[in-house]
């Protein structure tokens, strides 16, 4: 389990979205990265919406991965969100 700060620091970076765009990645993947960059804003401005945003982000991520020819076959587990 990682925190929002860790996720933003490791995965959700505007720089990564730009690199993915330059590499020709799908628009859906770039959108996921950009949405992830906004999680801290959601947490501070609309904390009541944070859980729904995270669930939506996970759902979109799994959809993109499962539809990928290269990675779709690797999804064999269910991801559950656990609240503290």
PDB file of N, CA and C in Angstrom:
ATOM      1  N   UNK A   1       0.842  -1.154   0.000  1.00  0.00           N
ATOM      2  CA  UNK A   1       0.000   0.000   0.000  1.00  0.00           C
ATOM      3  C   UNK A   1       0.902   1.237   0.000  1.00  0.00           C
ATOM      4  N   UNK A   2       0.541   2.238  -0.822  1.00  0.00           N
ATOM      5  CA  UNK A   2       1.316   3.464  -0.866  1.00  0.00           C
ATOM      6  C   UNK A   2       0.394   4.657  -0.636  1.00  0.00           C
ATOM      7  N   UNK A   3       0.981   5.730  -0.175  1.00  0.00           N
ATOM      8  CA  UNK A   3       0.213   6.951   0.072  1.00  0.00           C
ATOM      9  C   UNK A   3       0.050   7.725  -1.232  1.00  0.00           C
ATOM     10  N   UNK A   4      -0.816   8.725  -1.195  1.00  0.00           N
ATOM     11  CA  UNK A   4      -0.996   9.589  -2.351  1.00  0.00           C
ATOM     12  C   UNK A   4       0.316  10.283  -2.688  1.00  0.00           C
ATOM     13  N   UNK A   5       1.010  10.762  -1.667  1.00  0.00           N
ATOM     14  CA  UNK A   5       2.289  11.434  -1.901  1.00  0.00           C
ATOM     15  C   UNK A   5       3.289  10.513  -2.588  1.00  0.00           C
ATOM     16  N   UNK A   6       3.343   9.259  -2.149  1.00  0.00           N
ATOM     17  CA  UNK A   6       4.267   8.300  -2.767  1.00  0.00           C
ATOM     18  C   UNK A   6       3.863   8.018  -4.209  1.00  0.00           C
ATOM     19  N   UNK A   7       2.564   7.861  -4.443  1.00  0.00           N
ATOM     20  CA  UNK A   7       2.087   7.598  -5.803  1.00  0.00           C
ATOM     21  C   UNK A   7       2.411   8.767  -6.719  1.00  0.00           C
ATOM     22  N   UNK A   8       2.175   9.980  -6.223  1.00  0.00           N
ATOM     23  CA  UNK A   8       2.495  11.149  -7.036  1.00  0.00           C
ATOM     24  C   UNK A   8       3.991  11.244  -7.294  1.00  0.00           C
ATOM     25  N   UNK A   9       4.782  10.904  -6.297  1.00  0.00           N
ATOM     26  CA  UNK A   9       6.228  10.982  -6.462  1.00  0.00           C
ATOM     27  C   UNK A   9       6.798   9.923  -7.376  1.00  0.00           C
ATOM     28  N   UNK A  10       6.179   8.752  -7.386  1.00  0.00           N
ATOM     29  CA  UNK A  10       6.716   7.628  -8.151  1.00  0.00           C
ATOM     30  C   UNK A  10       6.048   7.416  -9.507  1.00  0.00           C
ATOM     31  N   UNK A  11       4.772   7.672  -9.599  1.00  0.00           N
ATOM     32  CA  UNK A  11       4.019   7.308 -10.799  1.00  0.00           C
ATOM     33  C   UNK A  11       3.377   8.507 -11.475  1.00  0.00           C
ATOM     34  N   UNK A  12       2.660   9.282 -10.699  1.00  0.00           N
ATOM     35  CA  UNK A  12       1.831  10.344 -11.261  1.00  0.00           C
ATOM     36  C   UNK A  12       2.591  11.660 -11.331  1.00  0.00           C
ATOM     37  N   UNK A  13       3.359  11.798 -12.405  1.00  0.00           N
ATOM     38  CA  UNK A  13       4.168  12.994 -12.634  1.00  0.00           C
ATOM     39  C   UNK A  13       3.794  13.571 -13.989  1.00  0.00           C
ATOM     40  N   UNK A  14       3.623  14.871 -14.070  1.00  0.00           N
ATOM     41  CA  UNK A  14       3.361  15.470 -15.386  1.00  0.00           C
ATOM     42  C   UNK A  14       4.454  15.121 -16.393  1.00  0.00           C
ATOM     43  N   UNK A  15       5.685  15.024 -15.914  1.00  0.00           N
ATOM     44  CA  UNK A  15       6.798  14.670 -16.790  1.00  0.00           C
ATOM     45  C   UNK A  15       6.588  13.290 -17.422  1.00  0.00           C
ATOM     46  N   UNK A  16       6.085  12.341 -16.633  1.00  0.00           N
ATOM     47  CA  UNK A  16       5.834  11.000 -17.155  1.00  0.00           C
ATOM     48  C   UNK A  16       4.751  11.034 -18.229  1.00  0.00           C
ATOM     49  N   UNK A  17       3.708  11.826 -18.013  1.00  0.00           N
ATOM     50  CA  UNK A  17       2.644  11.947 -19.017  1.00  0.00           C
ATOM     51  C   UNK A  17       3.218  12.475 -20.325  1.00  0.00           C
ATOM     52  N   UNK A  18       4.102  13.441 -20.224  1.00  0.00           N
ATOM     53  CA  UNK A  18       4.724  14.013 -21.422  1.00  0.00           C
ATOM     54  C   UNK A  18       5.601  12.972 -22.131  1.00  0.00           C
ATOM     55  N   UNK A  19       6.365  12.209 -21.361  1.00  0.00           N
ATOM     56  CA  UNK A  19       7.183  11.148 -21.958  1.00  0.00           C
ATOM     57  C   UNK A  19       6.325  10.098 -22.652  1.00  0.00           C
ATOM     58  N   UNK A  20       5.235   9.710 -22.006  1.00  0.00           N
ATOM     59  CA  UNK A  20       4.333   8.724 -22.604  1.00  0.00           C
ATOM     60  C   UNK A  20       3.718   9.251 -23.899  1.00  0.00           C
ATOM     61  N   UNK A  21       3.391  10.524 -23.893  1.00  0.00           N
ATOM     62  CA  UNK A  21       2.831  11.137 -25.097  1.00  0.00           C
ATOM     63  C   UNK A  21       3.853  11.110 -26.234  1.00  0.00           C
ATOM     64  N   UNK A  22       5.089  11.466 -25.919  1.00  0.00           N
ATOM     65  CA  UNK A  22       6.152  11.459 -26.923  1.00  0.00           C
ATOM     66  C   UNK A  22       6.447  10.050 -27.430  1.00  0.00           C
ATOM     67  N   UNK A  23       6.246   9.061 -26.557  1.00  0.00           N
ATOM     68  CA  UNK A  23       6.501   7.673 -26.933  1.00  0.00           C
ATOM     69  C   UNK A  23       5.333   7.054 -27.698  1.00  0.00           C
ATOM     70  N   UNK A  24       4.246   7.822 -27.845  1.00  0.00           N
ATOM     71  CA  UNK A  24       3.099   7.323 -28.603  1.00  0.00           C
ATOM     72  C   UNK A  24       2.161   6.441 -27.798  1.00  0.00           C
ATOM     73  N   UNK A  25       2.157   6.584 -26.496  1.00  0.00           N
ATOM     74  CA  UNK A  25       1.248   5.802 -25.656  1.00  0.00           C
ATOM     75  C   UNK A  25      -0.199   6.222 -25.900  1.00  0.00           C
ATOM     76  N   UNK A  26      -1.105   5.407 -25.443  1.00  0.00           N
ATOM     77  CA  UNK A  26      -2.518   5.693 -25.653  1.00  0.00           C
ATOM     78  C   UNK A  26      -2.956   6.922 -24.862  1.00  0.00           C
ATOM     79  N   UNK A  27      -3.959   7.594 -25.398  1.00  0.00           N
ATOM     80  CA  UNK A  27      -4.505   8.766 -24.715  1.00  0.00           C
ATOM     81  C   UNK A  27      -5.096   8.382 -23.362  1.00  0.00           C
ATOM     82  N   UNK A  28      -5.656   7.189 -23.287  1.00  0.00           N
ATOM     83  CA  UNK A  28      -6.249   6.738 -22.023  1.00  0.00           C
ATOM     84  C   UNK A  28      -5.187   6.613 -20.930  1.00  0.00           C
ATOM     85  N   UNK A  29      -4.035   6.082 -21.273  1.00  0.00           N
ATOM     86  CA  UNK A  29      -2.962   5.943 -20.288  1.00  0.00           C
ATOM     87  C   UNK A  29      -2.456   7.312 -19.831  1.00  0.00           C
ATOM     88  N   UNK A  30      -2.297   8.216 -20.768  1.00  0.00           N
ATOM     89  CA  UNK A  30      -1.847   9.567 -20.430  1.00  0.00           C
ATOM     90  C   UNK A  30      -2.883  10.262 -19.550  1.00  0.00           C
ATOM     91  N   UNK A  31      -4.158  10.052 -19.831  1.00  0.00           N
ATOM     92  CA  UNK A  31      -5.227  10.624 -19.008  1.00  0.00           C
ATOM     93  C   UNK A  31      -5.151  10.091 -17.576  1.00  0.00           C
ATOM     94  N   UNK A  32      -4.880   8.817 -17.429  1.00  0.00           N
ATOM     95  CA  UNK A  32      -4.767   8.213 -16.092  1.00  0.00           C
ATOM     96  C   UNK A  32      -3.635   8.878 -15.313  1.00  0.00           C
ATOM     97  N   UNK A  33      -2.495   9.064 -15.951  1.00  0.00           N
ATOM     98  CA  UNK A  33      -1.362   9.705 -15.278  1.00  0.00           C
ATOM     99  C   UNK A  33      -1.738  11.129 -14.868  1.00  0.00           C
ATOM    100  N   UNK A  34      -2.375  11.859 -15.767  1.00  0.00           N
ATOM    101  CA  UNK A  34      -2.766  13.229 -15.451  1.00  0.00           C
ATOM    102  C   UNK A  34      -3.790  13.286 -14.318  1.00  0.00           C
ATOM    103  N   UNK A  35      -4.742  12.370 -14.312  1.00  0.00           N
ATOM    104  CA  UNK A  35      -5.721  12.332 -13.224  1.00  0.00           C
ATOM    105  C   UNK A  35      -5.042  12.004 -11.894  1.00  0.00           C
ATOM    106  N   UNK A  36      -4.079  11.118 -11.935  1.00  0.00           N
ATOM    107  CA  UNK A  36      -3.342  10.777 -10.722  1.00  0.00           C
ATOM    108  C   UNK A  36      -2.567  11.955 -10.167  1.00  0.00           C
ATOM    109  N   UNK A  37      -2.116  12.831 -11.058  1.00  0.00           N
ATOM    110  CA  UNK A  37      -1.389  14.030 -10.619  1.00  0.00           C
ATOM    111  C   UNK A  37      -2.291  14.962  -9.814  1.00  0.00           C
ATOM    112  N   UNK A  38      -3.592  14.804  -9.950  1.00  0.00           N
ATOM    113  CA  UNK A  38      -4.547  15.690  -9.286  1.00  0.00           C
ATOM    114  C   UNK A  38      -5.064  15.142  -7.956  1.00  0.00           C
ATOM    115  N   UNK A  39      -4.629  13.964  -7.555  1.00  0.00           N
ATOM    116  CA  UNK A  39      -5.170  13.347  -6.339  1.00  0.00           C
ATOM    117  C   UNK A  39      -4.948  14.189  -5.089  1.00  0.00           C
ATOM    118  N   UNK A  40      -3.788  14.789  -4.966  1.00  0.00           N
ATOM    119  CA  UNK A  40      -3.521  15.604  -3.782  1.00  0.00           C
ATOM    120  C   UNK A  40      -4.457  16.817  -3.739  1.00  0.00           C
ATOM    121  N   UNK A  41      -4.742  17.393  -4.909  1.00  0.00           N
ATOM    122  CA  UNK A  41      -5.694  18.505  -4.971  1.00  0.00           C
ATOM    123  C   UNK A  41      -7.083  18.054  -4.547  1.00  0.00           C
ATOM    124  N   UNK A  42      -7.488  16.896  -5.032  1.00  0.00           N
ATOM    125  CA  UNK A  42      -8.797  16.360  -4.639  1.00  0.00           C
ATOM    126  C   UNK A  42      -8.830  16.137  -3.136  1.00  0.00           C
ATOM    127  N   UNK A  43      -7.758  15.581  -2.593  1.00  0.00           N
ATOM    128  CA  UNK A  43      -7.699  15.310  -1.158  1.00  0.00           C
ATOM    129  C   UNK A  43      -7.840  16.596  -0.342  1.00  0.00           C
ATOM    130  N   UNK A  44      -7.201  17.662  -0.778  1.00  0.00           N
ATOM    131  CA  UNK A  44      -7.249  18.897   0.011  1.00  0.00           C
ATOM    132  C   UNK A  44      -8.512  19.707  -0.244  1.00  0.00           C
ATOM    133  N   UNK A  45      -9.038  19.691  -1.457  1.00  0.00           N
ATOM    134  CA  UNK A  45     -10.205  20.509  -1.781  1.00  0.00           C
ATOM    135  C   UNK A  45     -11.539  19.785  -1.609  1.00  0.00           C
ATOM    136  N   UNK A  46     -11.564  18.507  -1.939  1.00  0.00           N
ATOM    137  CA  UNK A  46     -12.798  17.716  -1.897  1.00  0.00           C
ATOM    138  C   UNK A  46     -12.529  16.352  -1.277  1.00  0.00           C
ATOM    139  N   UNK A  47     -12.147  16.309  -0.013  1.00  0.00           N
ATOM    140  CA  UNK A  47     -11.772  15.027   0.600  1.00  0.00           C
ATOM    141  C   UNK A  47     -12.877  13.973   0.537  1.00  0.00           C
ATOM    142  N   UNK A  48     -14.102  14.412   0.488  1.00  0.00           N
ATOM    143  CA  UNK A  48     -15.212  13.459   0.408  1.00  0.00           C
ATOM    144  C   UNK A  48     -15.256  12.735  -0.942  1.00  0.00           C
ATOM    145  N   UNK A  49     -14.569  13.274  -1.946  1.00  0.00           N
ATOM    146  CA  UNK A  49     -14.547  12.661  -3.276  1.00  0.00           C
ATOM    147  C   UNK A  49     -13.294  11.823  -3.532  1.00  0.00           C
ATOM    148  N   UNK A  50     -12.371  11.832  -2.588  1.00  0.00           N
ATOM    149  CA  UNK A  50     -11.089  11.175  -2.809  1.00  0.00           C
ATOM    150  C   UNK A  50     -11.232   9.681  -3.080  1.00  0.00           C
ATOM    151  N   UNK A  51     -11.983   8.994  -2.252  1.00  0.00           N
ATOM    152  CA  UNK A  51     -12.118   7.539  -2.424  1.00  0.00           C
ATOM    153  C   UNK A  51     -12.703   7.196  -3.795  1.00  0.00           C
ATOM    154  N   UNK A  52     -13.708   7.945  -4.222  1.00  0.00           N
ATOM    155  CA  UNK A  52     -14.312   7.698  -5.532  1.00  0.00           C
ATOM    156  C   UNK A  52     -13.308   7.966  -6.655  1.00  0.00           C
ATOM    157  N   UNK A  53     -12.492   9.000  -6.499  1.00  0.00           N
ATOM    158  CA  UNK A  53     -11.469   9.310  -7.501  1.00  0.00           C
ATOM    159  C   UNK A  53     -10.442   8.191  -7.601  1.00  0.00           C
ATOM    160  N   UNK A  54     -10.034   7.671  -6.458  1.00  0.00           N
ATOM    161  CA  UNK A  54      -9.048   6.581  -6.446  1.00  0.00           C
ATOM    162  C   UNK A  54      -9.640   5.332  -7.092  1.00  0.00           C
ATOM    163  N   UNK A  55     -10.873   5.017  -6.750  1.00  0.00           N
ATOM    164  CA  UNK A  55     -11.533   3.847  -7.344  1.00  0.00           C
ATOM    165  C   UNK A  55     -11.669   4.005  -8.853  1.00  0.00           C
ATOM    166  N   UNK A  56     -12.012   5.209  -9.302  1.00  0.00           N
ATOM    167  CA  UNK A  56     -12.133   5.467 -10.735  1.00  0.00           C
ATOM    168  C   UNK A  56     -10.775   5.328 -11.428  1.00  0.00           C
ATOM    169  N   UNK A  57      -9.751   5.837 -10.789  1.00  0.00           N
ATOM    170  CA  UNK A  57      -8.400   5.745 -11.331  1.00  0.00           C
ATOM    171  C   UNK A  57      -7.948   4.283 -11.441  1.00  0.00           C
ATOM    172  N   UNK A  58      -8.218   3.490 -10.410  1.00  0.00           N
ATOM    173  CA  UNK A  58      -7.890   2.067 -10.458  1.00  0.00           C
ATOM    174  C   UNK A  58      -8.654   1.341 -11.556  1.00  0.00           C
ATOM    175  N   UNK A  59      -9.927   1.655 -11.662  1.00  0.00           N
ATOM    176  CA  UNK A  59     -10.754   1.024 -12.679  1.00  0.00           C
ATOM    177  C   UNK A  59     -10.243   1.352 -14.078  1.00  0.00           C
ATOM    178  N   UNK A  60      -9.943   2.613 -14.319  1.00  0.00           N
ATOM    179  CA  UNK A  60      -9.413   3.015 -15.625  1.00  0.00           C
ATOM    180  C   UNK A  60      -8.065   2.353 -15.895  1.00  0.00           C
ATOM    181  N   UNK A  61      -7.234   2.268 -14.876  1.00  0.00           N
ATOM    182  CA  UNK A  61      -5.918   1.636 -15.028  1.00  0.00           C
ATOM    183  C   UNK A  61      -6.063   0.170 -15.412  1.00  0.00           C
ATOM    184  N   UNK A  62      -6.929  -0.546 -14.710  1.00  0.00           N
ATOM    185  CA  UNK A  62      -7.134  -1.963 -15.006  1.00  0.00           C
ATOM    186  C   UNK A  62      -7.722  -2.165 -16.397  1.00  0.00           C
ATOM    187  N   UNK A  63      -8.596  -1.277 -16.807  1.00  0.00           N
ATOM    188  CA  UNK A  63      -9.186  -1.375 -18.139  1.00  0.00           C
ATOM    189  C   UNK A  63      -8.114  -1.214 -19.207  1.00  0.00           C
ATOM    190  N   UNK A  64      -7.263  -0.203 -19.066  1.00  0.00           N
ATOM    191  CA  UNK A  64      -6.201   0.032 -20.044  1.00  0.00           C
ATOM    192  C   UNK A  64      -5.246  -1.158 -20.084  1.00  0.00           C
ATOM    193  N   UNK A  65      -4.871  -1.648 -18.916  1.00  0.00           N
ATOM    194  CA  UNK A  65      -3.946  -2.783 -18.862  1.00  0.00           C
ATOM    195  C   UNK A  65      -4.581  -4.036 -19.459  1.00  0.00           C
ATOM    196  N   UNK A  66      -5.814  -4.318 -19.091  1.00  0.00           N
ATOM    197  CA  UNK A  66      -6.458  -5.543 -19.577  1.00  0.00           C
ATOM    198  C   UNK A  66      -6.724  -5.506 -21.073  1.00  0.00           C
ATOM    199  N   UNK A  67      -6.848  -4.314 -21.645  1.00  0.00           N
ATOM    200  CA  UNK A  67      -7.079  -4.196 -23.084  1.00  0.00           C
ATOM    201  C   UNK A  67      -5.783  -4.145 -23.878  1.00  0.00           C
ATOM    202  N   UNK A  68      -4.670  -4.101 -23.190  1.00  0.00           N
ATOM    203  CA  UNK A  68      -3.375  -4.059 -23.856  1.00  0.00           C
ATOM    204  C   UNK A  68      -2.997  -5.450 -24.353  1.00  0.00           C
ATOM    205  N   UNK A  69      -2.539  -5.516 -25.585  1.00  0.00           N
ATOM    206  CA  UNK A  69      -2.110  -6.802 -26.132  1.00  0.00           C
ATOM    207  C   UNK A  69      -0.906  -7.349 -25.375  1.00  0.00           C
ATOM    208  N   UNK A  70      -0.043  -6.460 -24.908  1.00  0.00           N
ATOM    209  CA  UNK A  70       1.189  -6.886 -24.246  1.00  0.00           C
ATOM    210  C   UNK A  70       0.988  -7.280 -22.788  1.00  0.00           C
ATOM    211  N   UNK A  71       0.023  -6.644 -22.116  1.00  0.00           N
ATOM    212  CA  UNK A  71      -0.087  -6.830 -20.670  1.00  0.00           C
ATOM    213  C   UNK A  71      -1.407  -7.435 -20.213  1.00  0.00           C
ATOM    214  N   UNK A  72      -2.414  -7.439 -21.029  1.00  0.00           N
ATOM    215  CA  UNK A  72      -3.738  -7.888 -20.619  1.00  0.00           C
ATOM    216  C   UNK A  72      -3.759  -9.276 -20.007  1.00  0.00           C
ATOM    217  N   UNK A  73      -2.944 -10.149 -20.508  1.00  0.00           N
ATOM    218  CA  UNK A  73      -2.907 -11.522 -20.002  1.00  0.00           C
ATOM    219  C   UNK A  73      -2.311 -11.613 -18.604  1.00  0.00           C
ATOM    220  N   UNK A  74      -1.658 -10.539 -18.140  1.00  0.00           N
ATOM    221  CA  UNK A  74      -1.006 -10.553 -16.834  1.00  0.00           C
ATOM    222  C   UNK A  74      -1.957 -10.233 -15.685  1.00  0.00           C
ATOM    223  N   UNK A  75      -3.144  -9.759 -15.995  1.00  0.00           N
ATOM    224  CA  UNK A  75      -4.109  -9.396 -14.955  1.00  0.00           C
ATOM    225  C   UNK A  75      -4.859 -10.650 -14.543  1.00  0.00           C
ATOM    226  N   UNK A  76      -4.558 -11.131 -13.346  1.00  0.00           N
ATOM    227  CA  UNK A  76      -5.237 -12.326 -12.866  1.00  0.00           C
ATOM    228  C   UNK A  76      -5.659 -12.183 -11.411  1.00  0.00           C
ATOM    229  N   UNK A  77      -5.636 -10.976 -10.917  1.00  0.00           N
ATOM    230  CA  UNK A  77      -5.993 -10.751  -9.521  1.00  0.00           C
ATOM    231  C   UNK A  77      -7.015  -9.622  -9.431  1.00  0.00           C
ATOM    232  N   UNK A  78      -7.787  -9.696  -8.390  1.00  0.00           N
ATOM    233  CA  UNK A  78      -8.747  -8.638  -8.120  1.00  0.00           C
ATOM    234  C   UNK A  78      -8.115  -7.648  -7.152  1.00  0.00           C
ATOM    235  N   UNK A  79      -8.266  -6.379  -7.444  1.00  0.00           N
ATOM    236  CA  UNK A  79      -7.729  -5.343  -6.556  1.00  0.00           C
ATOM    237  C   UNK A  79      -8.871  -4.815  -5.697  1.00  0.00           C
ATOM    238  N   UNK A  80      -8.673  -4.817  -4.424  1.00  0.00           N
ATOM    239  CA  UNK A  80      -9.664  -4.311  -3.485  1.00  0.00           C
ATOM    240  C   UNK A  80      -9.077  -3.113  -2.760  1.00  0.00           C
ATOM    241  N   UNK A  81      -9.890  -2.111  -2.593  1.00  0.00           N
ATOM    242  CA  UNK A  81      -9.465  -0.922  -1.860  1.00  0.00           C
ATOM    243  C   UNK A  81      -9.793  -1.122  -0.397  1.00  0.00           C
ATOM    244  N   UNK A  82      -8.781  -0.969   0.432  1.00  0.00           N
ATOM    245  CA  UNK A  82      -8.919  -1.173   1.865  1.00  0.00           C
ATOM    246  C   UNK A  82      -8.797   0.166   2.547  1.00  0.00           C
ATOM    247  N   UNK A  83      -9.792   0.503   3.337  1.00  0.00           N
ATOM    248  CA  UNK A  83      -9.761   1.764   4.074  1.00  0.00           C
ATOM    249  C   UNK A  83      -9.137   1.532   5.444  1.00  0.00           C
ATOM    250  N   UNK A  84      -8.398   2.543   5.913  1.00  0.00           N
ATOM    251  CA  UNK A  84      -7.777   2.466   7.238  1.00  0.00           C
ATOM    252  C   UNK A  84      -8.815   2.472   8.330  1.00  0.00           C
TER     253      UNK A  84
END
